């Protein structure tokens, strides 16, 4: 093997191999998260269950594609280095790989945009972020077209537009979500402040891995010529799985956070049957704590009536009440707090 062929094997084929390994590794993490979700959240709304099922299907299919891609490159084209390299531009399962990645990313970003809508109680903060994500997907679609015609300049420009939009959208989504969570502190009891702080921390923890991967993807795609080095492909292959992990991390964290801060949905020790019984007894559903409705504070007003009797009609209390007169004292006591996320 000549030095040129070695360079091509390492930097034009190697990233596919590394990216596929990372893809399949993270899929194993996702399978564990899916199992935990199925065990803990039997009574979630149907829409949320379907969203998780959809995520499981598309991420599994993506791992199958990654495995098949590696098999074709390194087994079927074992002695055909030029042919293996040309697969980047001539086969749909490789030239369309970035579009598959973007589709899974958009799927997860849609969930987090909906979550922000539920937290903010308004579509206004969501619309600009959603526009960024839609533009990012459109830019990647354009980049995929330029991949099929081997236009390196067009690929670089649209790929950069896609990754920059994704990174900006992810950052804005995290910051705006944290802002509305922090703002909600004024509407809850002091005991709930710790819950909100935990949710803010969770927002950045779940967003950090995917955002970091997208940033590295952008940097390496701009540093190197795509005809000489595609290191960014390794980051691009693992990016959709990091998005999926962040979504499942957010959903499954409800159990731990709910137990730690005593929300009205104690996942740690209440079975699905127990929660169903509680709904039948109380006549109301458990809150959708994954979507961010804090609901404020319910107030109970208690009236205490006092009757004062005196020996003489002329006797007057210091507060001016005579015989038979009553006074009412209104005492406002917080008795219920709804803390949902």
C-alpha atoms as a PDB file:
ATOM      1  CA  UNK A   1       0.000   0.000   0.000  1.00  0.00           C
ATOM      2  CA  UNK A   2       1.429   3.354  -1.023  1.00  0.00           C
ATOM      3  CA  UNK A   3       1.499   6.353   1.380  1.00  0.00           C
ATOM      4  CA  UNK A   4      -1.347   7.941  -0.604  1.00  0.00           C
ATOM      5  CA  UNK A   5      -3.481   4.807  -0.341  1.00  0.00           C
ATOM      6  CA  UNK A   6      -2.740   4.555   3.374  1.00  0.00           C
ATOM      7  CA  UNK A   7      -3.796   8.177   3.858  1.00  0.00           C
ATOM      8  CA  UNK A   8      -7.018   7.542   1.935  1.00  0.00           C
ATOM      9  CA  UNK A   9      -7.799   4.393   3.909  1.00  0.00           C
ATOM     10  CA  UNK A  10      -7.255   6.152   7.239  1.00  0.00           C
ATOM     11  CA  UNK A  11      -8.966   9.485   6.581  1.00  0.00           C
ATOM     12  CA  UNK A  12     -11.568   8.624   3.917  1.00  0.00           C
ATOM     13  CA  UNK A  13     -12.690   5.223   5.186  1.00  0.00           C
ATOM     14  CA  UNK A  14     -11.571   5.161   8.837  1.00  0.00           C
ATOM     15  CA  UNK A  15     -14.128   7.769  10.016  1.00  0.00           C
ATOM     16  CA  UNK A  16     -16.961   5.558   8.713  1.00  0.00           C
ATOM     17  CA  UNK A  17     -15.666   2.643  10.766  1.00  0.00           C
ATOM     18  CA  UNK A  18     -15.209   4.684  13.960  1.00  0.00           C
ATOM     19  CA  UNK A  19     -18.552   6.448  13.501  1.00  0.00           C
ATOM     20  CA  UNK A  20     -20.396   3.151  13.005  1.00  0.00           C
ATOM     21  CA  UNK A  21     -18.858   1.677  16.173  1.00  0.00           C
ATOM     22  CA  UNK A  22     -19.908   4.748  18.183  1.00  0.00           C
ATOM     23  CA  UNK A  23     -23.379   4.621  16.621  1.00  0.00           C
ATOM     24  CA  UNK A  24     -23.907   0.995  17.659  1.00  0.00           C
ATOM     25  CA  UNK A  25     -22.417   1.608  21.114  1.00  0.00           C
ATOM     26  CA  UNK A  26     -24.863   4.448  21.784  1.00  0.00           C
ATOM     27  CA  UNK A  27     -27.709   2.323  20.451  1.00  0.00           C
ATOM     28  CA  UNK A  28     -26.961  -0.109  23.271  1.00  0.00           C
ATOM     29  CA  UNK A  29     -27.303   2.787  25.722  1.00  0.00           C
ATOM     30  CA  UNK A  30     -30.604   3.703  24.105  1.00  0.00           C
ATOM     31  CA  UNK A  31     -31.941   0.159  24.412  1.00  0.00           C
ATOM     32  CA  UNK A  32     -31.323   0.380  28.162  1.00  0.00           C
ATOM     33  CA  UNK A  33     -33.143   3.709  28.299  1.00  0.00           C
ATOM     34  CA  UNK A  34     -36.084   2.329  26.321  1.00  0.00           C
ATOM     35  CA  UNK A  35     -36.384  -0.624  28.709  1.00  0.00           C
ATOM     36  CA  UNK A  36     -36.359   1.675  31.745  1.00  0.00           C
ATOM     37  CA  UNK A  37     -39.021   3.881  30.168  1.00  0.00           C
ATOM     38  CA  UNK A  38     -41.236   0.850  29.489  1.00  0.00           C
ATOM     39  CA  UNK A  39     -40.845  -0.330  33.090  1.00  0.00           C
ATOM     40  CA  UNK A  40     -41.413   3.008  34.820  1.00  0.00           C
ATOM     41  CA  UNK A  41     -43.947   4.992  32.786  1.00  0.00           C
ATOM     42  CA  UNK A  42     -46.868   2.728  31.913  1.00  0.00           C
ATOM     43  CA  UNK A  43     -49.374   5.547  32.439  1.00  0.00           C
ATOM     44  CA  UNK A  44     -47.794   8.191  30.200  1.00  0.00           C
ATOM     45  CA  UNK A  45     -50.029   9.737  27.578  1.00  0.00           C
ATOM     46  CA  UNK A  46     -50.403   7.801  24.355  1.00  0.00           C
ATOM     47  CA  UNK A  47     -48.763  10.546  22.302  1.00  0.00           C
ATOM     48  CA  UNK A  48     -45.611  10.421  24.409  1.00  0.00           C
ATOM     49  CA  UNK A  49     -45.499   6.632  24.268  1.00  0.00           C
ATOM     50  CA  UNK A  50     -45.778   6.728  20.489  1.00  0.00           C
ATOM     51  CA  UNK A  51     -42.988   9.306  20.322  1.00  0.00           C
ATOM     52  CA  UNK A  52     -40.703   6.960  22.263  1.00  0.00           C
ATOM     53  CA  UNK A  53     -41.698   3.993  20.088  1.00  0.00           C
ATOM     54  CA  UNK A  54     -40.973   6.053  16.978  1.00  0.00           C
ATOM     55  CA  UNK A  55     -37.577   7.038  18.355  1.00  0.00           C
ATOM     56  CA  UNK A  56     -36.761   3.392  19.092  1.00  0.00           C
ATOM     57  CA  UNK A  57     -37.654   2.383  15.541  1.00  0.00           C
ATOM     58  CA  UNK A  58     -35.711   5.078  13.684  1.00  0.00           C
ATOM     59  CA  UNK A  59     -32.597   4.769  15.851  1.00  0.00           C
ATOM     60  CA  UNK A  60     -32.585   0.984  15.427  1.00  0.00           C
ATOM     61  CA  UNK A  61     -32.902   1.360  11.661  1.00  0.00           C
ATOM     62  CA  UNK A  62     -30.023   3.843  11.717  1.00  0.00           C
ATOM     63  CA  UNK A  63     -27.814   1.313  13.514  1.00  0.00           C
ATOM     64  CA  UNK A  64     -28.723  -1.339  10.935  1.00  0.00           C
ATOM     65  CA  UNK A  65     -27.687   1.109   8.206  1.00  0.00           C
ATOM     66  CA  UNK A  66     -24.375   1.778   9.992  1.00  0.00           C
ATOM     67  CA  UNK A  67     -23.630  -1.947  10.287  1.00  0.00           C
ATOM     68  CA  UNK A  68     -24.499  -2.578   6.626  1.00  0.00           C
ATOM     69  CA  UNK A  69     -22.389   0.386   5.559  1.00  0.00           C
ATOM     70  CA  UNK A  70     -19.310  -0.954   7.348  1.00  0.00           C
ATOM     71  CA  UNK A  71     -19.874  -4.445   5.913  1.00  0.00           C
ATOM     72  CA  UNK A  72     -20.086  -3.136   2.352  1.00  0.00           C
ATOM     73  CA  UNK A  73     -17.048  -0.858   2.649  1.00  0.00           C
ATOM     74  CA  UNK A  74     -14.680  -3.169   4.482  1.00  0.00           C
ATOM     75  CA  UNK A  75     -15.822  -6.641   3.376  1.00  0.00           C
ATOM     76  CA  UNK A  76     -17.330  -6.397  -0.084  1.00  0.00           C
ATOM     77  CA  UNK A  77     -14.743  -3.785  -1.178  1.00  0.00           C
ATOM     78  CA  UNK A  78     -11.868  -5.210   0.840  1.00  0.00           C
ATOM     79  CA  UNK A  79      -9.392  -5.089  -2.081  1.00  0.00           C
ATOM     80  CA  UNK A  80     -11.037  -2.166  -3.907  1.00  0.00           C
ATOM     81  CA  UNK A  81      -9.941   1.057  -2.182  1.00  0.00           C
ATOM     82  CA  UNK A  82     -11.022   3.426  -5.008  1.00  0.00           C
ATOM     83  CA  UNK A  83     -14.401   1.696  -5.266  1.00  0.00           C
ATOM     84  CA  UNK A  84     -14.934   1.924  -1.501  1.00  0.00           C
ATOM     85  CA  UNK A  85     -14.162   5.654  -1.559  1.00  0.00           C
ATOM     86  CA  UNK A  86     -16.564   6.257  -4.462  1.00  0.00           C
ATOM     87  CA  UNK A  87     -19.394   4.792  -2.394  1.00  0.00           C
ATOM     88  CA  UNK A  88     -19.484   8.161  -0.593  1.00  0.00           C
ATOM     89  CA  UNK A  89     -20.994   9.692  -3.728  1.00  0.00           C
ATOM     90  CA  UNK A  90     -22.648   6.832  -5.633  1.00  0.00           C
ATOM     91  CA  UNK A  91     -24.803   4.951  -3.083  1.00  0.00           C
ATOM     92  CA  UNK A  92     -27.871   6.224  -1.273  1.00  0.00           C
ATOM     93  CA  UNK A  93     -26.955   4.605   2.051  1.00  0.00           C
ATOM     94  CA  UNK A  94     -23.772   6.689   2.250  1.00  0.00           C
ATOM     95  CA  UNK A  95     -24.578   9.854   0.335  1.00  0.00           C
ATOM     96  CA  UNK A  96     -27.918   9.980   2.183  1.00  0.00           C
ATOM     97  CA  UNK A  97     -26.381   9.354   5.605  1.00  0.00           C
ATOM     98  CA  UNK A  98     -26.219  13.063   6.593  1.00  0.00           C
ATOM     99  CA  UNK A  99     -29.909  13.431   5.740  1.00  0.00           C
ATOM    100  CA  UNK A 100     -30.775  10.445   7.944  1.00  0.00           C
ATOM    101  CA  UNK A 101     -28.792  12.048  10.760  1.00  0.00           C
ATOM    102  CA  UNK A 102     -30.620  15.355  10.294  1.00  0.00           C
ATOM    103  CA  UNK A 103     -34.025  13.633  10.257  1.00  0.00           C
ATOM    104  CA  UNK A 104     -33.427  11.966  13.635  1.00  0.00           C
ATOM    105  CA  UNK A 105     -32.075  15.231  15.020  1.00  0.00           C
ATOM    106  CA  UNK A 106     -35.190  17.091  13.853  1.00  0.00           C
ATOM    107  CA  UNK A 107     -37.394  14.414  15.434  1.00  0.00           C
ATOM    108  CA  UNK A 108     -35.779  14.950  18.842  1.00  0.00           C
ATOM    109  CA  UNK A 109     -35.674  18.739  18.460  1.00  0.00           C
ATOM    110  CA  UNK A 110     -39.418  18.703  17.789  1.00  0.00           C
ATOM    111  CA  UNK A 111     -39.998  17.034  21.158  1.00  0.00           C
ATOM    112  CA  UNK A 112     -37.869  19.616  22.977  1.00  0.00           C
ATOM    113  CA  UNK A 113     -39.627  22.476  21.159  1.00  0.00           C
ATOM    114  CA  UNK A 114     -42.974  21.074  22.292  1.00  0.00           C
ATOM    115  CA  UNK A 115     -41.621  20.795  25.822  1.00  0.00           C
ATOM    116  CA  UNK A 116     -40.558  24.452  25.689  1.00  0.00           C
ATOM    117  CA  UNK A 117     -44.038  25.379  24.447  1.00  0.00           C
ATOM    118  CA  UNK A 118     -45.580  23.630  27.462  1.00  0.00           C
ATOM    119  CA  UNK A 119     -43.185  25.341  29.866  1.00  0.00           C
ATOM    120  CA  UNK A 120     -43.524  28.823  28.354  1.00  0.00           C
ATOM    121  CA  UNK A 121     -47.306  28.510  27.772  1.00  0.00           C
ATOM    122  CA  UNK A 122     -46.814  30.397  24.529  1.00  0.00           C
ATOM    123  CA  UNK A 123     -45.668  29.569  20.979  1.00  0.00           C
ATOM    124  CA  UNK A 124     -43.746  32.839  20.616  1.00  0.00           C
ATOM    125  CA  UNK A 125     -40.451  31.645  22.167  1.00  0.00           C
ATOM    126  CA  UNK A 126     -40.635  28.414  20.162  1.00  0.00           C
ATOM    127  CA  UNK A 127     -41.226  29.812  16.658  1.00  0.00           C
ATOM    128  CA  UNK A 128     -37.751  31.360  16.029  1.00  0.00           C
ATOM    129  CA  UNK A 129     -36.022  28.212  17.304  1.00  0.00           C
ATOM    130  CA  UNK A 130     -38.253  25.964  15.205  1.00  0.00           C
ATOM    131  CA  UNK A 131     -37.453  28.066  12.125  1.00  0.00           C
ATOM    132  CA  UNK A 132     -33.730  27.537  12.772  1.00  0.00           C
ATOM    133  CA  UNK A 133     -34.193  23.777  12.966  1.00  0.00           C
ATOM    134  CA  UNK A 134     -36.295  23.657   9.796  1.00  0.00           C
ATOM    135  CA  UNK A 135     -33.693  25.737   7.962  1.00  0.00           C
ATOM    136  CA  UNK A 136     -30.964  23.397   9.212  1.00  0.00           C
ATOM    137  CA  UNK A 137     -32.818  20.409   7.770  1.00  0.00           C
ATOM    138  CA  UNK A 138     -33.365  22.209   4.459  1.00  0.00           C
ATOM    139  CA  UNK A 139     -29.663  23.116   4.306  1.00  0.00           C
ATOM    140  CA  UNK A 140     -28.694  19.496   4.841  1.00  0.00           C
ATOM    141  CA  UNK A 141     -31.101  18.448   2.093  1.00  0.00           C
ATOM    142  CA  UNK A 142     -29.287  20.835  -0.244  1.00  0.00           C
ATOM    143  CA  UNK A 143     -25.919  19.446   0.896  1.00  0.00           C
ATOM    144  CA  UNK A 144     -27.143  15.928   0.108  1.00  0.00           C
ATOM    145  CA  UNK A 145     -27.943  17.011  -3.429  1.00  0.00           C
ATOM    146  CA  UNK A 146     -24.431  18.396  -3.880  1.00  0.00           C
ATOM    147  CA  UNK A 147     -23.011  15.126  -2.521  1.00  0.00           C
ATOM    148  CA  UNK A 148     -24.723  13.224  -5.340  1.00  0.00           C
ATOM    149  CA  UNK A 149     -23.105  15.493  -7.972  1.00  0.00           C
ATOM    150  CA  UNK A 150     -19.713  15.556  -6.193  1.00  0.00           C
ATOM    151  CA  UNK A 151     -19.716  19.353  -5.778  1.00  0.00           C
ATOM    152  CA  UNK A 152     -17.253  19.786  -2.902  1.00  0.00           C
ATOM    153  CA  UNK A 153     -17.760  23.552  -2.640  1.00  0.00           C
ATOM    154  CA  UNK A 154     -21.541  23.230  -2.419  1.00  0.00           C
ATOM    155  CA  UNK A 155     -21.245  20.408   0.115  1.00  0.00           C
ATOM    156  CA  UNK A 156     -19.002  22.497   2.369  1.00  0.00           C
ATOM    157  CA  UNK A 157     -21.203  25.599   2.275  1.00  0.00           C
ATOM    158  CA  UNK A 158     -24.519  23.887   2.950  1.00  0.00           C
ATOM    159  CA  UNK A 159     -23.051  21.509   5.494  1.00  0.00           C
ATOM    160  CA  UNK A 160     -21.627  24.492   7.388  1.00  0.00           C
ATOM    161  CA  UNK A 161     -25.004  26.255   7.235  1.00  0.00           C
ATOM    162  CA  UNK A 162     -26.689  23.139   8.590  1.00  0.00           C
ATOM    163  CA  UNK A 163     -24.300  22.557  11.491  1.00  0.00           C
ATOM    164  CA  UNK A 164     -24.149  26.237  12.454  1.00  0.00           C
ATOM    165  CA  UNK A 165     -27.968  26.420  12.523  1.00  0.00           C
ATOM    166  CA  UNK A 166     -28.218  23.231  14.574  1.00  0.00           C
ATOM    167  CA  UNK A 167     -25.676  24.435  17.112  1.00  0.00           C
ATOM    168  CA  UNK A 168     -27.332  27.860  17.400  1.00  0.00           C
ATOM    169  CA  UNK A 169     -30.777  26.273  17.717  1.00  0.00           C
ATOM    170  CA  UNK A 170     -29.643  23.831  20.401  1.00  0.00           C
ATOM    171  CA  UNK A 171     -27.997  26.620  22.386  1.00  0.00           C
ATOM    172  CA  UNK A 172     -31.028  28.904  22.140  1.00  0.00           C
ATOM    173  CA  UNK A 173     -33.375  26.062  23.044  1.00  0.00           C
ATOM    174  CA  UNK A 174     -31.421  25.305  26.217  1.00  0.00           C
ATOM    175  CA  UNK A 175     -31.109  28.964  27.251  1.00  0.00           C
ATOM    176  CA  UNK A 176     -34.762  29.817  26.630  1.00  0.00           C
ATOM    177  CA  UNK A 177     -35.968  26.674  28.411  1.00  0.00           C
ATOM    178  CA  UNK A 178     -33.767  27.499  31.402  1.00  0.00           C
ATOM    179  CA  UNK A 179     -35.063  31.093  31.413  1.00  0.00           C
ATOM    180  CA  UNK A 180     -38.712  30.055  31.620  1.00  0.00           C
ATOM    181  CA  UNK A 181     -37.950  27.449  34.262  1.00  0.00           C
ATOM    182  CA  UNK A 182     -36.145  30.027  36.404  1.00  0.00           C
ATOM    183  CA  UNK A 183     -38.931  32.559  35.878  1.00  0.00           C
ATOM    184  CA  UNK A 184     -41.457  30.052  37.180  1.00  0.00           C
ATOM    185  CA  UNK A 185     -39.807  30.113  40.616  1.00  0.00           C
ATOM    186  CA  UNK A 186     -41.934  33.100  41.612  1.00  0.00           C
ATOM    187  CA  UNK A 187     -45.129  31.058  41.118  1.00  0.00           C
ATOM    188  CA  UNK A 188     -44.283  28.084  43.317  1.00  0.00           C
ATOM    189  CA  UNK A 189     -43.720  27.305  46.966  1.00  0.00           C
ATOM    190  CA  UNK A 190     -40.195  27.489  48.410  1.00  0.00           C
ATOM    191  CA  UNK A 191     -40.058  23.690  48.548  1.00  0.00           C
ATOM    192  CA  UNK A 192     -40.359  23.589  44.747  1.00  0.00           C
ATOM    193  CA  UNK A 193     -37.375  25.854  44.076  1.00  0.00           C
ATOM    194  CA  UNK A 194     -35.019  22.886  44.383  1.00  0.00           C
ATOM    195  CA  UNK A 195     -37.068  20.999  41.794  1.00  0.00           C
ATOM    196  CA  UNK A 196     -36.790  23.846  39.302  1.00  0.00           C
ATOM    197  CA  UNK A 197     -33.058  24.130  39.911  1.00  0.00           C
ATOM    198  CA  UNK A 198     -32.721  20.416  39.174  1.00  0.00           C
ATOM    199  CA  UNK A 199     -34.676  20.864  35.934  1.00  0.00           C
ATOM    200  CA  UNK A 200     -32.459  23.743  34.830  1.00  0.00           C
ATOM    201  CA  UNK A 201     -29.391  21.631  35.519  1.00  0.00           C
ATOM    202  CA  UNK A 202     -30.946  18.714  33.620  1.00  0.00           C
ATOM    203  CA  UNK A 203     -31.644  20.980  30.625  1.00  0.00           C
ATOM    204  CA  UNK A 204     -27.965  21.792  30.160  1.00  0.00           C
ATOM    205  CA  UNK A 205     -26.718  18.320  31.056  1.00  0.00           C
ATOM    206  CA  UNK A 206     -28.857  16.652  28.399  1.00  0.00           C
ATOM    207  CA  UNK A 207     -28.081  19.264  25.736  1.00  0.00           C
ATOM    208  CA  UNK A 208     -24.307  19.383  26.244  1.00  0.00           C
ATOM    209  CA  UNK A 209     -23.238  16.073  24.577  1.00  0.00           C
ATOM    210  CA  UNK A 210     -25.145  16.639  21.317  1.00  0.00           C
ATOM    211  CA  UNK A 211     -24.212  20.337  21.150  1.00  0.00           C
ATOM    212  CA  UNK A 212     -20.538  19.524  21.690  1.00  0.00           C
ATOM    213  CA  UNK A 213     -20.628  16.827  19.014  1.00  0.00           C
ATOM    214  CA  UNK A 214     -22.328  19.210  16.558  1.00  0.00           C
ATOM    215  CA  UNK A 215     -19.666  21.844  17.249  1.00  0.00           C
ATOM    216  CA  UNK A 216     -16.816  19.370  16.640  1.00  0.00           C
ATOM    217  CA  UNK A 217     -18.576  18.182  13.514  1.00  0.00           C
ATOM    218  CA  UNK A 218     -18.712  21.778  12.251  1.00  0.00           C
ATOM    219  CA  UNK A 219     -15.056  22.490  13.119  1.00  0.00           C
ATOM    220  CA  UNK A 220     -13.613  19.392  11.425  1.00  0.00           C
ATOM    221  CA  UNK A 221     -15.845  19.779   8.368  1.00  0.00           C
ATOM    222  CA  UNK A 222     -14.419  23.257   7.812  1.00  0.00           C
ATOM    223  CA  UNK A 223     -10.788  22.515   8.663  1.00  0.00           C
ATOM    224  CA  UNK A 224     -10.294  19.683   6.155  1.00  0.00           C
ATOM    225  CA  UNK A 225     -11.093  19.267   2.483  1.00  0.00           C
ATOM    226  CA  UNK A 226     -13.754  16.615   2.037  1.00  0.00           C
ATOM    227  CA  UNK A 227     -11.723  15.001  -0.731  1.00  0.00           C
ATOM    228  CA  UNK A 228      -8.774  14.487   1.592  1.00  0.00           C
ATOM    229  CA  UNK A 229     -10.161  14.013   5.090  1.00  0.00           C
ATOM    230  CA  UNK A 230     -13.675  13.279   6.372  1.00  0.00           C
ATOM    231  CA  UNK A 231     -12.959  13.091  10.104  1.00  0.00           C
ATOM    232  CA  UNK A 232     -16.195  15.011  10.694  1.00  0.00           C
ATOM    233  CA  UNK A 233     -18.100  11.917   9.489  1.00  0.00           C
ATOM    234  CA  UNK A 234     -17.258  10.091  12.720  1.00  0.00           C
ATOM    235  CA  UNK A 235     -18.928  12.865  14.750  1.00  0.00           C
ATOM    236  CA  UNK A 236     -21.827  13.033  12.319  1.00  0.00           C
ATOM    237  CA  UNK A 237     -22.498   9.293  12.669  1.00  0.00           C
ATOM    238  CA  UNK A 238     -22.867   9.489  16.454  1.00  0.00           C
ATOM    239  CA  UNK A 239     -24.784  12.796  16.533  1.00  0.00           C
ATOM    240  CA  UNK A 240     -28.336  11.385  16.096  1.00  0.00           C
ATOM    241  CA  UNK A 241     -27.787   8.873  18.880  1.00  0.00           C
ATOM    242  CA  UNK A 242     -26.650  11.641  21.232  1.00  0.00           C
ATOM    243  CA  UNK A 243     -29.855  13.528  20.424  1.00  0.00           C
ATOM    244  CA  UNK A 244     -31.900  10.410  21.149  1.00  0.00           C
ATOM    245  CA  UNK A 245     -30.021   9.808  24.417  1.00  0.00           C
ATOM    246  CA  UNK A 246     -30.761  13.389  25.504  1.00  0.00           C
ATOM    247  CA  UNK A 247     -34.495  12.900  24.899  1.00  0.00           C
ATOM    248  CA  UNK A 248     -34.653   9.616  26.795  1.00  0.00           C
ATOM    249  CA  UNK A 249     -32.448  11.019  29.565  1.00  0.00           C
ATOM    250  CA  UNK A 250     -34.918  13.871  30.014  1.00  0.00           C
ATOM    251  CA  UNK A 251     -37.905  11.525  30.107  1.00  0.00           C
ATOM    252  CA  UNK A 252     -36.380   8.951  32.449  1.00  0.00           C
ATOM    253  CA  UNK A 253     -35.011  11.590  34.836  1.00  0.00           C
ATOM    254  CA  UNK A 254     -38.573  12.279  36.008  1.00  0.00           C
ATOM    255  CA  UNK A 255     -38.414   9.272  38.316  1.00  0.00           C
ATOM    256  CA  UNK A 256     -35.294  10.379  40.178  1.00  0.00           C
ATOM    257  CA  UNK A 257     -36.160  14.070  40.323  1.00  0.00           C
ATOM    258  CA  UNK A 258     -39.747  13.369  41.341  1.00  0.00           C
ATOM    259  CA  UNK A 259     -38.567  11.222  44.252  1.00  0.00           C
ATOM    260  CA  UNK A 260     -35.895  13.678  45.360  1.00  0.00           C
ATOM    261  CA  UNK A 261     -38.187  16.693  45.461  1.00  0.00           C
ATOM    262  CA  UNK A 262     -41.502  15.087  46.361  1.00  0.00           C
ATOM    263  CA  UNK A 263     -43.581  15.921  43.318  1.00  0.00           C
ATOM    264  CA  UNK A 264     -47.087  14.593  43.048  1.00  0.00           C
ATOM    265  CA  UNK A 265     -45.920  11.691  40.902  1.00  0.00           C
ATOM    266  CA  UNK A 266     -43.696   9.438  43.024  1.00  0.00           C
ATOM    267  CA  UNK A 267     -42.259   7.096  40.417  1.00  0.00           C
ATOM    268  CA  UNK A 268     -39.844   5.411  42.761  1.00  0.00           C
ATOM    269  CA  UNK A 269     -42.371   3.453  44.763  1.00  0.00           C
ATOM    270  CA  UNK A 270     -45.730   3.708  43.000  1.00  0.00           C
ATOM    271  CA  UNK A 271     -46.638   1.103  40.442  1.00  0.00           C
ATOM    272  CA  UNK A 272     -48.802   1.773  37.420  1.00  0.00           C
ATOM    273  CA  UNK A 273     -51.692   0.018  39.167  1.00  0.00           C
ATOM    274  CA  UNK A 274     -51.237   2.197  42.242  1.00  0.00           C
ATOM    275  CA  UNK A 275     -51.378   5.346  40.141  1.00  0.00           C
ATOM    276  CA  UNK A 276     -54.452   4.077  38.309  1.00  0.00           C
ATOM    277  CA  UNK A 277     -56.163   3.451  41.658  1.00  0.00           C
ATOM    278  CA  UNK A 278     -55.209   6.928  42.827  1.00  0.00           C
ATOM    279  CA  UNK A 279     -56.675   8.482  39.678  1.00  0.00           C
ATOM    280  CA  UNK A 280     -59.938   6.602  40.229  1.00  0.00           C
ATOM    281  CA  UNK A 281     -60.082   7.753  43.852  1.00  0.00           C
ATOM    282  CA  UNK A 282     -59.163  11.404  43.281  1.00  0.00           C
ATOM    283  CA  UNK A 283     -60.880  11.830  39.925  1.00  0.00           C
ATOM    284  CA  UNK A 284     -57.859  13.454  38.275  1.00  0.00           C
ATOM    285  CA  UNK A 285     -54.853  12.382  36.277  1.00  0.00           C
ATOM    286  CA  UNK A 286     -51.278  12.552  37.436  1.00  0.00           C
ATOM    287  CA  UNK A 287     -49.458  15.584  36.014  1.00  0.00           C
ATOM    288  CA  UNK A 288     -47.357  15.431  32.873  1.00  0.00           C
ATOM    289  CA  UNK A 289     -44.179  16.282  34.697  1.00  0.00           C
ATOM    290  CA  UNK A 290     -42.013  15.927  31.603  1.00  0.00           C
ATOM    291  CA  UNK A 291     -43.664  18.906  29.891  1.00  0.00           C
ATOM    292  CA  UNK A 292     -43.320  21.699  32.390  1.00  0.00           C
ATOM    293  CA  UNK A 293     -46.625  22.799  33.912  1.00  0.00           C
ATOM    294  CA  UNK A 294     -45.881  24.146  37.359  1.00  0.00           C
ATOM    295  CA  UNK A 295     -49.494  25.151  37.855  1.00  0.00           C
ATOM    296  CA  UNK A 296     -48.830  27.620  40.667  1.00  0.00           C
ATOM    297  CA  UNK A 297     -50.191  27.176  44.196  1.00  0.00           C
ATOM    298  CA  UNK A 298     -53.637  26.147  45.332  1.00  0.00           C
ATOM    299  CA  UNK A 299     -54.924  28.206  48.265  1.00  0.00           C
ATOM    300  CA  UNK A 300     -57.321  27.106  51.003  1.00  0.00           C
ATOM    301  CA  UNK A 301     -59.177  29.765  52.970  1.00  0.00           C
ATOM    302  CA  UNK A 302     -60.391  28.874  56.460  1.00  0.00           C
ATOM    303  CA  UNK A 303     -62.973  31.053  58.275  1.00  0.00           C
ATOM    304  CA  UNK A 304     -62.971  31.031  62.090  1.00  0.00           C
ATOM    305  CA  UNK A 305     -66.140  32.423  63.767  1.00  0.00           C
ATOM    306  CA  UNK A 306     -65.991  33.786  67.329  1.00  0.00           C
ATOM    307  CA  UNK A 307     -69.136  34.642  69.424  1.00  0.00           C
ATOM    308  CA  UNK A 308     -68.589  36.870  72.442  1.00  0.00           C
ATOM    309  CA  UNK A 309     -71.229  37.092  75.239  1.00  0.00           C
ATOM    310  CA  UNK A 310     -71.126  39.847  77.915  1.00  0.00           C
ATOM    311  CA  UNK A 311     -72.986  40.412  81.187  1.00  0.00           C
ATOM    312  CA  UNK A 312     -74.262  43.815  80.185  1.00  0.00           C
ATOM    313  CA  UNK A 313     -75.262  45.499  76.980  1.00  0.00           C
ATOM    314  CA  UNK A 314     -73.126  48.416  78.078  1.00  0.00           C
ATOM    315  CA  UNK A 315     -70.007  46.336  78.237  1.00  0.00           C
ATOM    316  CA  UNK A 316     -67.950  46.858  75.143  1.00  0.00           C
ATOM    317  CA  UNK A 317     -64.860  44.955  74.095  1.00  0.00           C
ATOM    318  CA  UNK A 318     -61.777  46.787  73.076  1.00  0.00           C
ATOM    319  CA  UNK A 319     -62.411  45.740  69.483  1.00  0.00           C
ATOM    320  CA  UNK A 320     -65.879  47.367  69.570  1.00  0.00           C
ATOM    321  CA  UNK A 321     -68.059  44.218  69.479  1.00  0.00           C
ATOM    322  CA  UNK A 322     -71.168  43.903  71.663  1.00  0.00           C
ATOM    323  CA  UNK A 323     -73.204  40.904  72.813  1.00  0.00           C
ATOM    324  CA  UNK A 324     -74.108  38.494  70.032  1.00  0.00           C
ATOM    325  CA  UNK A 325     -71.788  40.109  67.501  1.00  0.00           C
ATOM    326  CA  UNK A 326     -69.385  37.902  65.629  1.00  0.00           C
ATOM    327  CA  UNK A 327     -66.047  38.359  63.989  1.00  0.00           C
ATOM    328  CA  UNK A 328     -64.588  36.398  61.123  1.00  0.00           C
ATOM    329  CA  UNK A 329     -60.900  35.820  60.582  1.00  0.00           C
ATOM    330  CA  UNK A 330     -59.658  34.808  57.167  1.00  0.00           C
ATOM    331  CA  UNK A 331     -56.572  32.644  57.219  1.00  0.00           C
ATOM    332  CA  UNK A 332     -54.895  31.779  53.943  1.00  0.00           C
ATOM    333  CA  UNK A 333     -52.920  28.586  54.040  1.00  0.00           C
ATOM    334  CA  UNK A 334     -51.093  26.939  51.138  1.00  0.00           C
ATOM    335  CA  UNK A 335     -52.128  23.322  51.178  1.00  0.00           C
ATOM    336  CA  UNK A 336     -51.312  21.949  47.750  1.00  0.00           C
ATOM    337  CA  UNK A 337     -48.482  22.551  45.359  1.00  0.00           C
ATOM    338  CA  UNK A 338     -48.360  21.302  41.796  1.00  0.00           C
ATOM    339  CA  UNK A 339     -44.878  20.895  40.481  1.00  0.00           C
ATOM    340  CA  UNK A 340     -44.676  19.453  37.021  1.00  0.00           C
ATOM    341  CA  UNK A 341     -41.844  19.385  34.510  1.00  0.00           C
END
